[in-house]
Amino acid sequence: MKDNIHPNYHEINVVMTDGTSFTTRSTWGKPGDTLRLDIDPKSHPAWTGVHRLMDSGGQVHKFNKRFQNIGVKSQESA
């Protein structure tokens, strides 16, 4: 194998969304850096089973406004 082609593998600190932390080895950042997670197994719906509708930039409102008149017609209006 070629020399000096692999990234530096060192210890970093990882802080979860609830504030707990642990030390691991990674190629991310510099030795001793702290990686703060926005999403982790304690908060992500794939692991928690709780699904929240996150509306970034009003996308859900735009969708609902655009398609508000599309739907199943009732028997009375048919």
PDB file of N, CA and C in Angstrom:
ATOM      1  N   MET A   1       0.840  -1.184   0.000  1.00  0.00           N
ATOM      2  CA  MET A   1       0.000   0.000   0.000  1.00  0.00           C
ATOM      3  C   MET A   1       0.882   1.243   0.000  1.00  0.00           C
ATOM      4  N   LYS A   2       0.319   2.324  -0.510  1.00  0.00           N
ATOM      5  CA  LYS A   2       1.037   3.586  -0.536  1.00  0.00           C
ATOM      6  C   LYS A   2       1.095   4.189   0.856  1.00  0.00           C
ATOM      7  N   ASP A   3       2.176   4.863   1.139  1.00  0.00           N
ATOM      8  CA  ASP A   3       2.319   5.560   2.414  1.00  0.00           C
ATOM      9  C   ASP A   3       1.638   6.912   2.354  1.00  0.00           C
ATOM     10  N   ASN A   4       1.157   7.375   3.516  1.00  0.00           N
ATOM     11  CA  ASN A   4       0.600   8.718   3.687  1.00  0.00           C
ATOM     12  C   ASN A   4      -0.628   9.029   2.820  1.00  0.00           C
ATOM     13  N   ILE A   5      -1.446   8.018   2.529  1.00  0.00           N
ATOM     14  CA  ILE A   5      -2.676   8.286   1.765  1.00  0.00           C
ATOM     15  C   ILE A   5      -3.926   8.164   2.633  1.00  0.00           C
ATOM     16  N   HIS A   6      -3.772   7.655   3.839  1.00  0.00           N
ATOM     17  CA  HIS A   6      -4.921   7.462   4.717  1.00  0.00           C
ATOM     18  C   HIS A   6      -5.137   8.685   5.599  1.00  0.00           C
ATOM     19  N   PRO A   7      -6.409   9.034   5.877  1.00  0.00           N
ATOM     20  CA  PRO A   7      -6.670  10.192   6.746  1.00  0.00           C
ATOM     21  C   PRO A   7      -6.248   9.915   8.183  1.00  0.00           C
ATOM     22  N   ASN A   8      -6.011  10.983   8.924  1.00  0.00           N
ATOM     23  CA  ASN A   8      -5.621  10.882  10.320  1.00  0.00           C
ATOM     24  C   ASN A   8      -6.788  10.339  11.142  1.00  0.00           C
ATOM     25  N   TYR A   9      -6.575   9.260  11.869  1.00  0.00           N
ATOM     26  CA  TYR A   9      -7.599   8.599  12.678  1.00  0.00           C
ATOM     27  C   TYR A   9      -7.286   8.892  14.136  1.00  0.00           C
ATOM     28  N   HIS A  10      -8.159   9.632  14.821  1.00  0.00           N
ATOM     29  CA  HIS A  10      -7.866  10.141  16.156  1.00  0.00           C
ATOM     30  C   HIS A  10      -9.127  10.127  17.027  1.00  0.00           C
ATOM     31  N   GLU A  11      -8.969  10.462  18.303  1.00  0.00           N
ATOM     32  CA  GLU A  11     -10.102  10.487  19.230  1.00  0.00           C
ATOM     33  C   GLU A  11     -10.818  11.830  19.174  1.00  0.00           C
ATOM     34  N   ILE A  12     -12.178  11.775  19.180  1.00  0.00           N
ATOM     35  CA  ILE A  12     -13.016  12.970  19.258  1.00  0.00           C
ATOM     36  C   ILE A  12     -14.095  12.730  20.307  1.00  0.00           C
ATOM     37  N   ASN A  13     -14.745  13.787  20.735  1.00  0.00           N
ATOM     38  CA  ASN A  13     -15.867  13.702  21.663  1.00  0.00           C
ATOM     39  C   ASN A  13     -17.159  13.885  20.873  1.00  0.00           C
ATOM     40  N   VAL A  14     -18.155  13.078  21.164  1.00  0.00           N
ATOM     41  CA  VAL A  14     -19.456  13.173  20.502  1.00  0.00           C
ATOM     42  C   VAL A  14     -20.493  13.513  21.563  1.00  0.00           C
ATOM     43  N   VAL A  15     -21.276  14.585  21.311  1.00  0.00           N
ATOM     44  CA  VAL A  15     -22.321  14.999  22.242  1.00  0.00           C
ATOM     45  C   VAL A  15     -23.667  14.719  21.586  1.00  0.00           C
ATOM     46  N   MET A  16     -24.502  13.905  22.254  1.00  0.00           N
ATOM     47  CA  MET A  16     -25.823  13.543  21.748  1.00  0.00           C
ATOM     48  C   MET A  16     -26.802  14.700  21.971  1.00  0.00           C
ATOM     49  N   THR A  17     -28.016  14.579  21.436  1.00  0.00           N
ATOM     50  CA  THR A  17     -29.014  15.644  21.553  1.00  0.00           C
ATOM     51  C   THR A  17     -29.478  15.855  22.983  1.00  0.00           C
ATOM     52  N   ASP A  18     -29.385  14.833  23.818  1.00  0.00           N
ATOM     53  CA  ASP A  18     -29.818  14.995  25.213  1.00  0.00           C
ATOM     54  C   ASP A  18     -28.687  15.462  26.131  1.00  0.00           C
ATOM     55  N   GLY A  19     -27.510  15.724  25.571  1.00  0.00           N
ATOM     56  CA  GLY A  19     -26.390  16.236  26.358  1.00  0.00           C
ATOM     57  C   GLY A  19     -25.387  15.196  26.789  1.00  0.00           C
ATOM     58  N   THR A  20     -25.724  13.908  26.673  1.00  0.00           N
ATOM     59  CA  THR A  20     -24.750  12.882  27.030  1.00  0.00           C
ATOM     60  C   THR A  20     -23.632  12.878  26.000  1.00  0.00           C
ATOM     61  N   SER A  21     -22.457  12.423  26.410  1.00  0.00           N
ATOM     62  CA  SER A  21     -21.325  12.429  25.486  1.00  0.00           C
ATOM     63  C   SER A  21     -20.515  11.154  25.638  1.00  0.00           C
ATOM     64  N   PHE A  22     -19.727  10.879  24.625  1.00  0.00           N
ATOM     65  CA  PHE A  22     -18.826   9.744  24.655  1.00  0.00           C
ATOM     66  C   PHE A  22     -17.632  10.049  23.759  1.00  0.00           C
ATOM     67  N   THR A  23     -16.563   9.290  23.922  1.00  0.00           N
ATOM     68  CA  THR A  23     -15.356   9.454  23.118  1.00  0.00           C
ATOM     69  C   THR A  23     -15.272   8.303  22.136  1.00  0.00           C
ATOM     70  N   THR A  24     -14.910   8.623  20.909  1.00  0.00           N
ATOM     71  CA  THR A  24     -14.749   7.603  19.882  1.00  0.00           C
ATOM     72  C   THR A  24     -13.590   7.998  18.981  1.00  0.00           C
ATOM     73  N   ARG A  25     -13.243   7.141  18.074  1.00  0.00           N
ATOM     74  CA  ARG A  25     -12.182   7.451  17.115  1.00  0.00           C
ATOM     75  C   ARG A  25     -12.826   7.729  15.767  1.00  0.00           C
ATOM     76  N   SER A  26     -12.282   8.726  15.060  1.00  0.00           N
ATOM     77  CA  SER A  26     -12.873   9.146  13.801  1.00  0.00           C
ATOM     78  C   SER A  26     -11.836   9.875  12.954  1.00  0.00           C
ATOM     79  N   THR A  27     -12.156  10.068  11.684  1.00  0.00           N
ATOM     80  CA  THR A  27     -11.326  10.893  10.808  1.00  0.00           C
ATOM     81  C   THR A  27     -11.873  12.313  10.749  1.00  0.00           C
ATOM     82  N   TRP A  28     -13.002  12.575  11.426  1.00  0.00           N
ATOM     83  CA  TRP A  28     -13.640  13.891  11.427  1.00  0.00           C
ATOM     84  C   TRP A  28     -12.851  14.858  12.298  1.00  0.00           C
ATOM     85  N   GLY A  29     -12.666  16.089  11.868  1.00  0.00           N
ATOM     86  CA  GLY A  29     -12.065  17.135  12.677  1.00  0.00           C
ATOM     87  C   GLY A  29     -10.630  16.883  13.065  1.00  0.00           C
ATOM     88  N   LYS A  30     -10.267  17.487  14.198  1.00  0.00           N
ATOM     89  CA  LYS A  30      -8.913  17.368  14.733  1.00  0.00           C
ATOM     90  C   LYS A  30      -8.972  16.591  16.044  1.00  0.00           C
ATOM     91  N   PRO A  31      -7.855  16.067  16.501  1.00  0.00           N
ATOM     92  CA  PRO A  31      -7.862  15.340  17.783  1.00  0.00           C
ATOM     93  C   PRO A  31      -8.432  16.206  18.905  1.00  0.00           C
ATOM     94  N   GLY A  32      -9.392  15.665  19.654  1.00  0.00           N
ATOM     95  CA  GLY A  32      -9.991  16.373  20.774  1.00  0.00           C
ATOM     96  C   GLY A  32     -11.181  17.244  20.411  1.00  0.00           C
ATOM     97  N   ASP A  33     -11.527  17.383  19.123  1.00  0.00           N
ATOM     98  CA  ASP A  33     -12.694  18.180  18.720  1.00  0.00           C
ATOM     99  C   ASP A  33     -13.982  17.563  19.256  1.00  0.00           C
ATOM    100  N   THR A  34     -15.036  18.392  19.347  1.00  0.00           N
ATOM    101  CA  THR A  34     -16.335  17.930  19.819  1.00  0.00           C
ATOM    102  C   THR A  34     -17.344  17.984  18.679  1.00  0.00           C
ATOM    103  N   LEU A  35     -17.975  16.859  18.400  1.00  0.00           N
ATOM    104  CA  LEU A  35     -19.011  16.750  17.378  1.00  0.00           C
ATOM    105  C   LEU A  35     -20.356  16.762  18.079  1.00  0.00           C
ATOM    106  N   ARG A  36     -21.171  17.803  17.824  1.00  0.00           N
ATOM    107  CA  ARG A  36     -22.499  17.905  18.437  1.00  0.00           C
ATOM    108  C   ARG A  36     -23.532  17.437  17.411  1.00  0.00           C
ATOM    109  N   LEU A  37     -24.278  16.410  17.781  1.00  0.00           N
ATOM    110  CA  LEU A  37     -25.249  15.815  16.875  1.00  0.00           C
ATOM    111  C   LEU A  37     -26.580  16.560  16.917  1.00  0.00           C
ATOM    112  N   ASP A  38     -27.196  16.769  15.743  1.00  0.00           N
ATOM    113  CA  ASP A  38     -28.537  17.337  15.651  1.00  0.00           C
ATOM    114  C   ASP A  38     -29.581  16.228  15.696  1.00  0.00           C
ATOM    115  N   ILE A  39     -29.217  15.072  15.160  1.00  0.00           N
ATOM    116  CA  ILE A  39     -30.110  13.907  15.125  1.00  0.00           C
ATOM    117  C   ILE A  39     -29.304  12.703  15.581  1.00  0.00           C
ATOM    118  N   ASP A  40     -29.880  11.918  16.456  1.00  0.00           N
ATOM    119  CA  ASP A  40     -29.231  10.697  16.914  1.00  0.00           C
ATOM    120  C   ASP A  40     -30.304   9.643  17.200  1.00  0.00           C
ATOM    121  N   PRO A  41     -29.932   8.427  17.559  1.00  0.00           N
ATOM    122  CA  PRO A  41     -30.924   7.379  17.804  1.00  0.00           C
ATOM    123  C   PRO A  41     -31.940   7.713  18.888  1.00  0.00           C
ATOM    124  N   LYS A  42     -31.634   8.669  19.768  1.00  0.00           N
ATOM    125  CA  LYS A  42     -32.568   9.033  20.825  1.00  0.00           C
ATOM    126  C   LYS A  42     -33.628  10.017  20.341  1.00  0.00           C
ATOM    127  N   SER A  43     -33.399  10.651  19.178  1.00  0.00           N
ATOM    128  CA  SER A  43     -34.354  11.656  18.701  1.00  0.00           C
ATOM    129  C   SER A  43     -34.888  11.387  17.300  1.00  0.00           C
ATOM    130  N   HIS A  44     -34.295  10.481  16.555  1.00  0.00           N
ATOM    131  CA  HIS A  44     -34.718  10.236  15.174  1.00  0.00           C
ATOM    132  C   HIS A  44     -35.924   9.301  15.136  1.00  0.00           C
ATOM    133  N   PRO A  45     -36.947   9.644  14.333  1.00  0.00           N
ATOM    134  CA  PRO A  45     -38.170   8.838  14.269  1.00  0.00           C
ATOM    135  C   PRO A  45     -37.944   7.378  13.865  1.00  0.00           C
ATOM    136  N   ALA A  46     -36.895   7.094  13.122  1.00  0.00           N
ATOM    137  CA  ALA A  46     -36.640   5.715  12.715  1.00  0.00           C
ATOM    138  C   ALA A  46     -36.384   4.818  13.922  1.00  0.00           C
ATOM    139  N   TRP A  47     -35.825   5.366  14.984  1.00  0.00           N
ATOM    140  CA  TRP A  47     -35.547   4.582  16.192  1.00  0.00           C
ATOM    141  C   TRP A  47     -36.597   4.784  17.269  1.00  0.00           C
ATOM    142  N   THR A  48     -37.179   5.988  17.353  1.00  0.00           N
ATOM    143  CA  THR A  48     -38.123   6.263  18.436  1.00  0.00           C
ATOM    144  C   THR A  48     -39.532   5.807  18.116  1.00  0.00           C
ATOM    145  N   GLY A  49     -39.891   5.741  16.829  1.00  0.00           N
ATOM    146  CA  GLY A  49     -41.243   5.363  16.432  1.00  0.00           C
ATOM    147  C   GLY A  49     -42.218   6.525  16.490  1.00  0.00           C
ATOM    148  N   VAL A  50     -41.757   7.690  16.897  1.00  0.00           N
ATOM    149  CA  VAL A  50     -42.599   8.886  16.969  1.00  0.00           C
ATOM    150  C   VAL A  50     -42.269   9.750  15.765  1.00  0.00           C
ATOM    151  N   HIS A  51     -43.251   9.927  14.895  1.00  0.00           N
ATOM    152  CA  HIS A  51     -43.024  10.714  13.690  1.00  0.00           C
ATOM    153  C   HIS A  51     -43.602  12.101  13.868  1.00  0.00           C
ATOM    154  N   ARG A  52     -42.761  13.102  13.630  1.00  0.00           N
ATOM    155  CA  ARG A  52     -43.197  14.489  13.703  1.00  0.00           C
ATOM    156  C   ARG A  52     -43.115  15.084  12.319  1.00  0.00           C
ATOM    157  N   LEU A  53     -44.041  15.957  12.006  1.00  0.00           N
ATOM    158  CA  LEU A  53     -44.037  16.645  10.729  1.00  0.00           C
ATOM    159  C   LEU A  53     -43.231  17.921  10.890  1.00  0.00           C
ATOM    160  N   MET A  54     -42.050  17.945  10.274  1.00  0.00           N
ATOM    161  CA  MET A  54     -41.194  19.116  10.393  1.00  0.00           C
ATOM    162  C   MET A  54     -41.402  19.993   9.164  1.00  0.00           C
ATOM    163  N   ASP A  55     -41.792  21.229   9.386  1.00  0.00           N
ATOM    164  CA  ASP A  55     -42.074  22.153   8.297  1.00  0.00           C
ATOM    165  C   ASP A  55     -40.945  23.169   8.200  1.00  0.00           C
ATOM    166  N   SER A  56     -40.045  22.945   7.260  1.00  0.00           N
ATOM    167  CA  SER A  56     -38.950  23.890   7.080  1.00  0.00           C
ATOM    168  C   SER A  56     -39.281  24.821   5.926  1.00  0.00           C
ATOM    169  N   GLY A  57     -39.353  26.079   6.206  1.00  0.00           N
ATOM    170  CA  GLY A  57     -39.613  27.072   5.175  1.00  0.00           C
ATOM    171  C   GLY A  57     -41.047  27.105   4.697  1.00  0.00           C
ATOM    172  N   GLY A  58     -41.998  26.586   5.464  1.00  0.00           N
ATOM    173  CA  GLY A  58     -43.399  26.641   5.085  1.00  0.00           C
ATOM    174  C   GLY A  58     -43.774  25.714   3.949  1.00  0.00           C
ATOM    175  N   GLN A  59     -43.015  24.666   3.730  1.00  0.00           N
ATOM    176  CA  GLN A  59     -43.279  23.755   2.619  1.00  0.00           C
ATOM    177  C   GLN A  59     -44.610  23.030   2.768  1.00  0.00           C
ATOM    178  N   VAL A  60     -44.969  22.639   3.978  1.00  0.00           N
ATOM    179  CA  VAL A  60     -46.243  21.944   4.191  1.00  0.00           C
ATOM    180  C   VAL A  60     -47.396  22.895   3.893  1.00  0.00           C
ATOM    181  N   HIS A  61     -47.292  24.146   4.333  1.00  0.00           N
ATOM    182  CA  HIS A  61     -48.347  25.135   4.068  1.00  0.00           C
ATOM    183  C   HIS A  61     -48.497  25.366   2.563  1.00  0.00           C
ATOM    184  N   LYS A  62     -47.380  25.479   1.854  1.00  0.00           N
ATOM    185  CA  LYS A  62     -47.429  25.673   0.401  1.00  0.00           C
ATOM    186  C   LYS A  62     -48.103  24.479  -0.285  1.00  0.00           C
ATOM    187  N   PHE A  63     -47.764  23.279   0.158  1.00  0.00           N
ATOM    188  CA  PHE A  63     -48.362  22.081  -0.417  1.00  0.00           C
ATOM    189  C   PHE A  63     -49.868  22.055  -0.179  1.00  0.00           C
ATOM    190  N   ASN A  64     -50.271  22.295   1.080  1.00  0.00           N
ATOM    191  CA  ASN A  64     -51.701  22.272   1.410  1.00  0.00           C
ATOM    192  C   ASN A  64     -52.469  23.345   0.638  1.00  0.00           C
ATOM    193  N   LYS A  65     -51.892  24.527   0.490  1.00  0.00           N
ATOM    194  CA  LYS A  65     -52.546  25.611  -0.240  1.00  0.00           C
ATOM    195  C   LYS A  65     -52.696  25.251  -1.719  1.00  0.00           C
ATOM    196  N   ARG A  66     -51.675  24.642  -2.274  1.00  0.00           N
ATOM    197  CA  ARG A  66     -51.680  24.292  -3.693  1.00  0.00           C
ATOM    198  C   ARG A  66     -52.724  23.216  -4.020  1.00  0.00           C
ATOM    199  N   PHE A  67     -52.886  22.260  -3.127  1.00  0.00           N
ATOM    200  CA  PHE A  67     -53.756  21.127  -3.405  1.00  0.00           C
ATOM    201  C   PHE A  67     -55.009  21.100  -2.535  1.00  0.00           C
ATOM    202  N   GLN A  68     -55.447  22.243  -2.022  1.00  0.00           N
ATOM    203  CA  GLN A  68     -56.598  22.271  -1.127  1.00  0.00           C
ATOM    204  C   GLN A  68     -57.903  21.895  -1.819  1.00  0.00           C
ATOM    205  N   ASN A  69     -58.019  22.132  -3.113  1.00  0.00           N
ATOM    206  CA  ASN A  69     -59.280  21.848  -3.814  1.00  0.00           C
ATOM    207  C   ASN A  69     -59.334  20.470  -4.434  1.00  0.00           C
ATOM    208  N   ILE A  70     -58.233  19.747  -4.345  1.00  0.00           N
ATOM    209  CA  ILE A  70     -58.200  18.380  -4.905  1.00  0.00           C
ATOM    210  C   ILE A  70     -58.614  17.418  -3.805  1.00  0.00           C
ATOM    211  N   GLY A  71     -59.550  16.561  -4.105  1.00  0.00           N
ATOM    212  CA  GLY A  71     -59.978  15.599  -3.087  1.00  0.00           C
ATOM    213  C   GLY A  71     -61.132  14.776  -3.604  1.00  0.00           C
ATOM    214  N   VAL A  72     -61.629  13.923  -2.780  1.00  0.00           N
ATOM    215  CA  VAL A  72     -62.746  13.063  -3.121  1.00  0.00           C
ATOM    216  C   VAL A  72     -64.038  13.872  -2.959  1.00  0.00           C
ATOM    217  N   LYS A  73     -64.851  13.867  -3.993  1.00  0.00           N
ATOM    218  CA  LYS A  73     -66.134  14.589  -3.917  1.00  0.00           C
ATOM    219  C   LYS A  73     -67.126  13.785  -3.111  1.00  0.00           C
ATOM    220  N   SER A  74     -67.937  14.461  -2.348  1.00  0.00           N
ATOM    221  CA  SER A  74     -68.935  13.759  -1.541  1.00  0.00           C
ATOM    222  C   SER A  74     -70.107  13.338  -2.423  1.00  0.00           C
ATOM    223  N   GLN A  75     -70.918  12.415  -1.933  1.00  0.00           N
ATOM    224  CA  GLN A  75     -72.064  11.899  -2.677  1.00  0.00           C
ATOM    225  C   GLN A  75     -73.121  12.982  -2.911  1.00  0.00           C
ATOM    226  N   GLU A  76     -73.234  13.920  -1.957  1.00  0.00           N
ATOM    227  CA  GLU A  76     -74.260  14.952  -2.048  1.00  0.00           C
ATOM    228  C   GLU A  76     -73.970  15.931  -3.184  1.00  0.00           C
ATOM    229  N   SER A  77     -72.719  16.253  -3.433  1.00  0.00           N
ATOM    230  CA  SER A  77     -72.388  17.231  -4.455  1.00  0.00           C
ATOM    231  C   SER A  77     -72.246  16.596  -5.837  1.00  0.00           C
ATOM    232  N   ALA A  78     -72.283  15.285  -5.953  1.00  0.00           N
ATOM    233  CA  ALA A  78     -72.091  14.603  -7.232  1.00  0.00           C
ATOM    234  C   ALA A  78     -73.337  14.574  -8.067  1.00  0.00           C
TER     235      ALA A  78
END
